Amino acid sequence: MTEPIRVLICDDQVLIRTGLATIIDAQPDLEVAGECGDGRTAVDLAERLRPDVVVMDIRMPVLDGIAATRLLAGAGVPHPVKVLVVTTFNLDEYVYEALRAGASGFLLKDAPPDRLLHGIRTVAAGAALLDPDVTRQLVGRYAARIRPTDGKGPDIPLTPRELEVLRLIADGLSNNEIAASLVISRETVKTFVSRILTKLGLRDRVQAVVYAYRQGLVS
């Protein structure tokens, strides 16, 4: 039997932690590895328990979710842990920073339970979780702040076709949607995505979206 996906829940609101734990523990392929109410404890528990996924709130005492995510999944972390950030619309200015800190994806707190469960499984499998509409709304809203302002054109080591695929990724399109848009196969899209991530030294599609906005490739 396959080992269940172990999840660490970090949220400073007890009711939310309890609700998340109830939803997760009801699934045969998931289990709650631990719970905590601040980022510092999340980092300590994650290092000790080594969960498959940390479900991380952003605003918390002691250490906020962005700083905790950076310590768990940021650049240079020797054994990174996958982090799924949960947030609300009125905290969307923090989402970009959370993604830069190393989060593998994000969800809104009012997302239905099945979307949360799908998100945990997706992140645990090593994929990024991006809701196209939310991605465009959140990242796009801060594109002016994200993009470089020195007026210099970006030196990007991608072919014209790879740049085209990167722009579509940043627009929130799935592999199937990109394939349909460019009239190519899904496997070809996967090859392009893999090449793009490798050439740019990026970990996943989340980082590709942030990169595209930082370079001014999308608006």
C-alpha atoms as a PDB file:
ATOM      1  CA  MET A   1       0.000   0.000   0.000  1.00  0.00           C
ATOM      2  CA  THR A   2       1.297   3.476  -0.908  1.00  0.00           C
ATOM      3  CA  GLU A   3       2.350   5.626   2.012  1.00  0.00           C
ATOM      4  CA  PRO A   4      -0.058   8.545   2.604  1.00  0.00           C
ATOM      5  CA  ILE A   5       0.968  12.123   1.835  1.00  0.00           C
ATOM      6  CA  ARG A   6       1.967  13.700   5.143  1.00  0.00           C
ATOM      7  CA  VAL A   7       0.788  17.276   5.637  1.00  0.00           C
ATOM      8  CA  LEU A   8       1.880  19.888   8.162  1.00  0.00           C
ATOM      9  CA  ILE A   9      -0.768  22.571   8.775  1.00  0.00           C
ATOM     10  CA  CYS A  10       0.396  26.029   9.822  1.00  0.00           C
ATOM     11  CA  ASP A  11      -2.274  28.644  10.575  1.00  0.00           C
ATOM     12  CA  ASP A  12      -2.661  30.897  13.602  1.00  0.00           C
ATOM     13  CA  GLN A  13      -6.455  30.421  13.694  1.00  0.00           C
ATOM     14  CA  VAL A  14      -7.402  27.276  15.605  1.00  0.00           C
ATOM     15  CA  LEU A  15     -10.749  26.864  13.849  1.00  0.00           C
ATOM     16  CA  ILE A  16      -9.107  26.950  10.422  1.00  0.00           C
ATOM     17  CA  ARG A  17      -6.427  24.468  11.503  1.00  0.00           C
ATOM     18  CA  THR A  18      -9.085  22.141  12.874  1.00  0.00           C
ATOM     19  CA  GLY A  19     -11.165  22.401   9.708  1.00  0.00           C
ATOM     20  CA  LEU A  20      -8.176  21.715   7.478  1.00  0.00           C
ATOM     21  CA  ALA A  21      -7.101  18.769   9.612  1.00  0.00           C
ATOM     22  CA  THR A  22     -10.599  17.266   9.485  1.00  0.00           C
ATOM     23  CA  ILE A  23     -10.754  17.550   5.687  1.00  0.00           C
ATOM     24  CA  ILE A  24      -7.249  16.120   5.199  1.00  0.00           C
ATOM     25  CA  ASP A  25      -7.512  13.246   7.661  1.00  0.00           C
ATOM     26  CA  ALA A  26     -10.753  12.098   6.024  1.00  0.00           C
ATOM     27  CA  GLN A  27      -8.800  11.182   2.895  1.00  0.00           C
ATOM     28  CA  PRO A  28      -7.268   7.687   2.674  1.00  0.00           C
ATOM     29  CA  ASP A  29      -4.182   8.977   0.844  1.00  0.00           C
ATOM     30  CA  LEU A  30      -3.512  11.943   3.155  1.00  0.00           C
ATOM     31  CA  GLU A  31      -2.637  12.337   6.821  1.00  0.00           C
ATOM     32  CA  VAL A  32      -1.909  15.257   9.129  1.00  0.00           C
ATOM     33  CA  ALA A  33       1.691  15.057  10.317  1.00  0.00           C
ATOM     34  CA  GLY A  34       1.378  18.030  12.657  1.00  0.00           C
ATOM     35  CA  GLU A  35      -0.200  21.400  13.347  1.00  0.00           C
ATOM     36  CA  CYS A  36       1.120  24.755  14.541  1.00  0.00           C
ATOM     37  CA  GLY A  37       0.157  28.402  14.786  1.00  0.00           C
ATOM     38  CA  ASP A  38       3.283  30.357  13.835  1.00  0.00           C
ATOM     39  CA  GLY A  39       6.000  30.284  11.200  1.00  0.00           C
ATOM     40  CA  ARG A  40       8.882  29.619  13.561  1.00  0.00           C
ATOM     41  CA  THR A  41       7.238  26.469  14.878  1.00  0.00           C
ATOM     42  CA  ALA A  42       6.386  25.479  11.302  1.00  0.00           C
ATOM     43  CA  VAL A  43      10.055  25.586  10.343  1.00  0.00           C
ATOM     44  CA  ASP A  44      11.078  23.593  13.428  1.00  0.00           C
ATOM     45  CA  LEU A  45       8.356  20.974  12.928  1.00  0.00           C
ATOM     46  CA  ALA A  46       9.019  20.653   9.207  1.00  0.00           C
ATOM     47  CA  GLU A  47      12.704  20.040   9.815  1.00  0.00           C
ATOM     48  CA  ARG A  48      11.883  17.415  12.422  1.00  0.00           C
ATOM     49  CA  LEU A  49       8.839  15.715  10.861  1.00  0.00           C
ATOM     50  CA  ARG A  50       9.812  16.096   7.160  1.00  0.00           C
ATOM     51  CA  PRO A  51       6.222  16.326   5.851  1.00  0.00           C
ATOM     52  CA  ASP A  52       5.525  15.978   2.138  1.00  0.00           C
ATOM     53  CA  VAL A  53       3.644  19.285   2.056  1.00  0.00           C
ATOM     54  CA  VAL A  54       3.316  22.263   4.392  1.00  0.00           C
ATOM     55  CA  VAL A  55      -0.001  24.129   4.131  1.00  0.00           C
ATOM     56  CA  MET A  56       1.111  27.628   5.132  1.00  0.00           C
ATOM     57  CA  ASP A  57      -0.817  30.714   6.119  1.00  0.00           C
ATOM     58  CA  ILE A  58       0.828  34.089   5.479  1.00  0.00           C
ATOM     59  CA  ARG A  59      -0.013  36.367   8.397  1.00  0.00           C
ATOM     60  CA  MET A  60       1.142  34.705  11.613  1.00  0.00           C
ATOM     61  CA  PRO A  61       2.931  35.684  14.808  1.00  0.00           C
ATOM     62  CA  VAL A  62       6.636  35.126  15.613  1.00  0.00           C
ATOM     63  CA  LEU A  63       7.544  34.444  11.966  1.00  0.00           C
ATOM     64  CA  ASP A  64       5.210  35.125   9.055  1.00  0.00           C
ATOM     65  CA  GLY A  65       4.454  32.577   6.339  1.00  0.00           C
ATOM     66  CA  ILE A  66       6.667  34.234   3.731  1.00  0.00           C
ATOM     67  CA  ALA A  67       9.744  34.177   5.940  1.00  0.00           C
ATOM     68  CA  ALA A  68       8.966  30.607   7.009  1.00  0.00           C
ATOM     69  CA  THR A  69       8.541  29.538   3.373  1.00  0.00           C
ATOM     70  CA  ARG A  70      11.908  31.086   2.499  1.00  0.00           C
ATOM     71  CA  LEU A  71      13.572  29.056   5.260  1.00  0.00           C
ATOM     72  CA  LEU A  72      11.850  25.852   4.139  1.00  0.00           C
ATOM     73  CA  ALA A  73      11.907  26.129   0.353  1.00  0.00           C
ATOM     74  CA  GLY A  74      13.957  29.147  -0.639  1.00  0.00           C
ATOM     75  CA  ALA A  75      17.091  29.349  -2.738  1.00  0.00           C
ATOM     76  CA  GLY A  76      20.011  27.547  -1.157  1.00  0.00           C
ATOM     77  CA  VAL A  77      17.944  25.412   1.222  1.00  0.00           C
ATOM     78  CA  PRO A  78      19.710  22.008   1.125  1.00  0.00           C
ATOM     79  CA  HIS A  79      16.607  19.875   1.672  1.00  0.00           C
ATOM     80  CA  PRO A  80      13.600  21.994   0.624  1.00  0.00           C
ATOM     81  CA  VAL A  81      10.069  21.175   1.711  1.00  0.00           C
ATOM     82  CA  LYS A  82       7.116  21.729  -0.617  1.00  0.00           C
ATOM     83  CA  VAL A  83       4.926  24.604   0.574  1.00  0.00           C
ATOM     84  CA  LEU A  84       1.333  25.336  -0.429  1.00  0.00           C
ATOM     85  CA  VAL A  85       0.421  28.865   0.649  1.00  0.00           C
ATOM     86  CA  VAL A  86      -3.164  29.705   1.553  1.00  0.00           C
ATOM     87  CA  THR A  87      -4.330  33.308   1.510  1.00  0.00           C
ATOM     88  CA  THR A  88      -7.333  35.597   1.161  1.00  0.00           C
ATOM     89  CA  PHE A  89      -8.029  38.252  -1.443  1.00  0.00           C
ATOM     90  CA  ASN A  90      -7.243  41.055   0.965  1.00  0.00           C
ATOM     91  CA  LEU A  91      -3.749  39.595   1.413  1.00  0.00           C
ATOM     92  CA  ASP A  92      -2.984  39.232  -2.268  1.00  0.00           C
ATOM     93  CA  GLU A  93      -0.083  41.700  -2.146  1.00  0.00           C
ATOM     94  CA  TYR A  94       1.846  38.997  -0.287  1.00  0.00           C
ATOM     95  CA  VAL A  95       1.325  36.198  -2.803  1.00  0.00           C
ATOM     96  CA  TYR A  96       4.058  37.299  -5.189  1.00  0.00           C
ATOM     97  CA  GLU A  97       6.545  37.465  -2.331  1.00  0.00           C
ATOM     98  CA  ALA A  98       5.475  34.006  -1.162  1.00  0.00           C
ATOM     99  CA  LEU A  99       6.096  32.564  -4.624  1.00  0.00           C
ATOM    100  CA  ARG A 100       9.490  34.220  -4.778  1.00  0.00           C
ATOM    101  CA  ALA A 101      10.239  32.749  -1.364  1.00  0.00           C
ATOM    102  CA  GLY A 102       9.875  29.249  -2.821  1.00  0.00           C
ATOM    103  CA  ALA A 103       6.219  28.282  -2.443  1.00  0.00           C
ATOM    104  CA  SER A 104       5.055  25.658  -4.934  1.00  0.00           C
ATOM    105  CA  GLY A 105       1.632  27.250  -5.248  1.00  0.00           C
ATOM    106  CA  PHE A 106      -1.207  29.009  -3.527  1.00  0.00           C
ATOM    107  CA  LEU A 107      -4.906  28.742  -2.859  1.00  0.00           C
ATOM    108  CA  LEU A 108      -7.503  31.101  -1.523  1.00  0.00           C
ATOM    109  CA  LYS A 109      -8.905  30.289   1.904  1.00  0.00           C
ATOM    110  CA  ASP A 110     -12.435  30.219   0.544  1.00  0.00           C
ATOM    111  CA  ALA A 111     -11.555  27.502  -1.988  1.00  0.00           C
ATOM    112  CA  PRO A 112     -13.783  24.419  -1.731  1.00  0.00           C
ATOM    113  CA  PRO A 113     -12.360  21.360   0.066  1.00  0.00           C
ATOM    114  CA  ASP A 114     -11.854  19.384  -3.136  1.00  0.00           C
ATOM    115  CA  ARG A 115      -9.637  22.132  -4.518  1.00  0.00           C
ATOM    116  CA  LEU A 116      -7.554  22.117  -1.350  1.00  0.00           C
ATOM    117  CA  LEU A 117      -7.135  18.356  -1.565  1.00  0.00           C
ATOM    118  CA  HIS A 118      -6.238  18.584  -5.241  1.00  0.00           C
ATOM    119  CA  GLY A 119      -3.717  21.287  -4.383  1.00  0.00           C
ATOM    120  CA  ILE A 120      -2.017  19.192  -1.724  1.00  0.00           C
ATOM    121  CA  ARG A 121      -1.767  16.196  -4.049  1.00  0.00           C
ATOM    122  CA  THR A 122      -0.512  18.336  -6.928  1.00  0.00           C
ATOM    123  CA  VAL A 123       2.218  19.990  -4.870  1.00  0.00           C
ATOM    124  CA  ALA A 124       3.206  16.669  -3.269  1.00  0.00           C
ATOM    125  CA  ALA A 125       3.657  15.200  -6.756  1.00  0.00           C
ATOM    126  CA  GLY A 126       6.194  17.903  -7.543  1.00  0.00           C
ATOM    127  CA  ALA A 127       4.002  20.072  -9.744  1.00  0.00           C
ATOM    128  CA  ALA A 128       3.122  23.714  -9.268  1.00  0.00           C
ATOM    129  CA  LEU A 129      -0.404  24.763  -8.395  1.00  0.00           C
ATOM    130  CA  LEU A 130      -1.623  27.818 -10.258  1.00  0.00           C
ATOM    131  CA  ASP A 131      -5.225  28.836 -10.694  1.00  0.00           C
ATOM    132  CA  PRO A 132      -5.156  30.716 -14.034  1.00  0.00           C
ATOM    133  CA  ASP A 133      -7.705  33.383 -13.091  1.00  0.00           C
ATOM    134  CA  VAL A 134      -6.197  34.012  -9.678  1.00  0.00           C
ATOM    135  CA  THR A 135      -2.687  34.041 -11.107  1.00  0.00           C
ATOM    136  CA  ARG A 136      -3.591  36.710 -13.631  1.00  0.00           C
ATOM    137  CA  GLN A 137      -5.426  38.756 -11.020  1.00  0.00           C
ATOM    138  CA  LEU A 138      -2.799  38.576  -8.301  1.00  0.00           C
ATOM    139  CA  VAL A 139       0.455  38.665 -10.226  1.00  0.00           C
ATOM    140  CA  GLY A 140      -0.914  40.898 -12.968  1.00  0.00           C
ATOM    141  CA  ARG A 141      -2.047  43.470 -10.425  1.00  0.00           C
ATOM    142  CA  TYR A 142       1.533  43.904  -9.284  1.00  0.00           C
ATOM    143  CA  ALA A 143       3.194  43.570 -12.691  1.00  0.00           C
ATOM    144  CA  ALA A 144       4.285  47.219 -12.708  1.00  0.00           C
ATOM    145  CA  ARG A 145       6.107  46.708  -9.429  1.00  0.00           C
ATOM    146  CA  ILE A 146       7.535  43.335 -10.481  1.00  0.00           C
ATOM    147  CA  ARG A 147       8.956  44.337 -13.856  1.00  0.00           C
ATOM    148  CA  PRO A 148      12.376  45.977 -14.191  1.00  0.00           C
ATOM    149  CA  THR A 149      12.251  49.758 -14.521  1.00  0.00           C
ATOM    150  CA  ASP A 150      15.679  50.510 -16.032  1.00  0.00           C
ATOM    151  CA  GLY A 151      14.361  50.235 -19.589  1.00  0.00           C
ATOM    152  CA  LYS A 152      16.940  47.666 -20.647  1.00  0.00           C
ATOM    153  CA  GLY A 153      15.743  44.712 -22.704  1.00  0.00           C
ATOM    154  CA  PRO A 154      16.065  41.338 -20.975  1.00  0.00           C
ATOM    155  CA  ASP A 155      18.781  38.969 -22.166  1.00  0.00           C
ATOM    156  CA  ILE A 156      16.776  35.744 -22.163  1.00  0.00           C
ATOM    157  CA  PRO A 157      18.416  32.542 -23.431  1.00  0.00           C
ATOM    158  CA  LEU A 158      15.284  31.148 -25.077  1.00  0.00           C
ATOM    159  CA  THR A 159      14.276  30.514 -28.665  1.00  0.00           C
ATOM    160  CA  PRO A 160      11.320  32.498 -30.086  1.00  0.00           C
ATOM    161  CA  ARG A 161       9.092  29.416 -29.712  1.00  0.00           C
ATOM    162  CA  GLU A 162      10.186  28.894 -26.094  1.00  0.00           C
ATOM    163  CA  LEU A 163       9.461  32.552 -25.373  1.00  0.00           C
ATOM    164  CA  GLU A 164       5.998  32.063 -26.855  1.00  0.00           C
ATOM    165  CA  VAL A 165       5.375  29.084 -24.572  1.00  0.00           C
ATOM    166  CA  LEU A 166       6.694  31.009 -21.555  1.00  0.00           C
ATOM    167  CA  ARG A 167       4.276  33.863 -22.221  1.00  0.00           C
ATOM    168  CA  LEU A 168       1.379  31.408 -22.394  1.00  0.00           C
ATOM    169  CA  ILE A 169       2.493  29.810 -19.112  1.00  0.00           C
ATOM    170  CA  ALA A 170       2.501  33.268 -17.549  1.00  0.00           C
ATOM    171  CA  ASP A 171      -1.011  33.828 -18.880  1.00  0.00           C
ATOM    172  CA  GLY A 172      -2.068  30.838 -16.787  1.00  0.00           C
ATOM    173  CA  LEU A 173      -2.660  28.367 -19.614  1.00  0.00           C
ATOM    174  CA  SER A 174      -2.387  24.644 -18.929  1.00  0.00           C
ATOM    175  CA  ASN A 175      -0.316  22.338 -21.135  1.00  0.00           C
ATOM    176  CA  ASN A 176      -3.463  21.248 -22.973  1.00  0.00           C
ATOM    177  CA  GLU A 177      -4.475  24.866 -23.594  1.00  0.00           C
ATOM    178  CA  ILE A 178      -0.988  25.769 -24.822  1.00  0.00           C
ATOM    179  CA  ALA A 179      -1.031  22.767 -27.143  1.00  0.00           C
ATOM    180  CA  ALA A 180      -4.375  23.865 -28.586  1.00  0.00           C
ATOM    181  CA  SER A 181      -3.235  27.479 -28.940  1.00  0.00           C
ATOM    182  CA  LEU A 182      -0.010  26.603 -30.769  1.00  0.00           C
ATOM    183  CA  VAL A 183      -1.463  23.571 -32.595  1.00  0.00           C
ATOM    184  CA  ILE A 184       1.171  21.206 -31.237  1.00  0.00           C
ATOM    185  CA  SER A 185       0.967  18.058 -29.121  1.00  0.00           C
ATOM    186  CA  ARG A 186       0.779  18.050 -25.343  1.00  0.00           C
ATOM    187  CA  GLU A 187       4.034  16.065 -25.216  1.00  0.00           C
ATOM    188  CA  THR A 188       5.744  18.760 -27.276  1.00  0.00           C
ATOM    189  CA  VAL A 189       4.501  21.387 -24.826  1.00  0.00           C
ATOM    190  CA  LYS A 190       5.898  19.359 -21.920  1.00  0.00           C
ATOM    191  CA  THR A 191       9.268  19.237 -23.690  1.00  0.00           C
ATOM    192  CA  PHE A 192       9.215  23.007 -24.205  1.00  0.00           C
ATOM    193  CA  VAL A 193       8.294  23.614 -20.559  1.00  0.00           C
ATOM    194  CA  SER A 194      11.116  21.348 -19.378  1.00  0.00           C
ATOM    195  CA  ARG A 195      13.628  23.157 -21.611  1.00  0.00           C
ATOM    196  CA  ILE A 196      12.464  26.562 -20.412  1.00  0.00           C
ATOM    197  CA  LEU A 197      12.815  25.630 -16.747  1.00  0.00           C
ATOM    198  CA  THR A 198      16.250  24.106 -17.336  1.00  0.00           C
ATOM    199  CA  LYS A 199      17.607  27.021 -19.378  1.00  0.00           C
ATOM    200  CA  LEU A 200      16.385  29.620 -16.887  1.00  0.00           C
ATOM    201  CA  GLY A 201      17.331  27.613 -13.788  1.00  0.00           C
ATOM    202  CA  LEU A 202      13.743  27.628 -12.531  1.00  0.00           C
ATOM    203  CA  ARG A 203      12.139  24.982 -10.347  1.00  0.00           C
ATOM    204  CA  ASP A 204       8.562  24.985 -11.598  1.00  0.00           C
ATOM    205  CA  ARG A 205       5.804  26.862 -13.421  1.00  0.00           C
ATOM    206  CA  VAL A 206       5.238  29.195 -10.488  1.00  0.00           C
ATOM    207  CA  GLN A 207       8.770  30.516 -10.782  1.00  0.00           C
ATOM    208  CA  ALA A 208       8.323  30.722 -14.568  1.00  0.00           C
ATOM    209  CA  VAL A 209       5.303  33.016 -14.099  1.00  0.00           C
ATOM    210  CA  VAL A 210       7.216  35.283 -11.720  1.00  0.00           C
ATOM    211  CA  TYR A 211      10.206  35.320 -14.095  1.00  0.00           C
ATOM    212  CA  ALA A 212       8.035  36.309 -17.053  1.00  0.00           C
ATOM    213  CA  TYR A 213       6.553  39.255 -15.151  1.00  0.00           C
ATOM    214  CA  ARG A 214       9.937  40.347 -13.816  1.00  0.00           C
ATOM    215  CA  GLN A 215      11.316  40.384 -17.376  1.00  0.00           C
ATOM    216  CA  GLY A 216       8.341  42.295 -18.730  1.00  0.00           C
ATOM    217  CA  LEU A 217       7.327  39.494 -21.090  1.00  0.00           C
ATOM    218  CA  VAL A 218       3.662  39.837 -20.111  1.00  0.00           C
ATOM    219  CA  SER A 219       1.548  42.726 -18.935  1.00  0.00           C
END
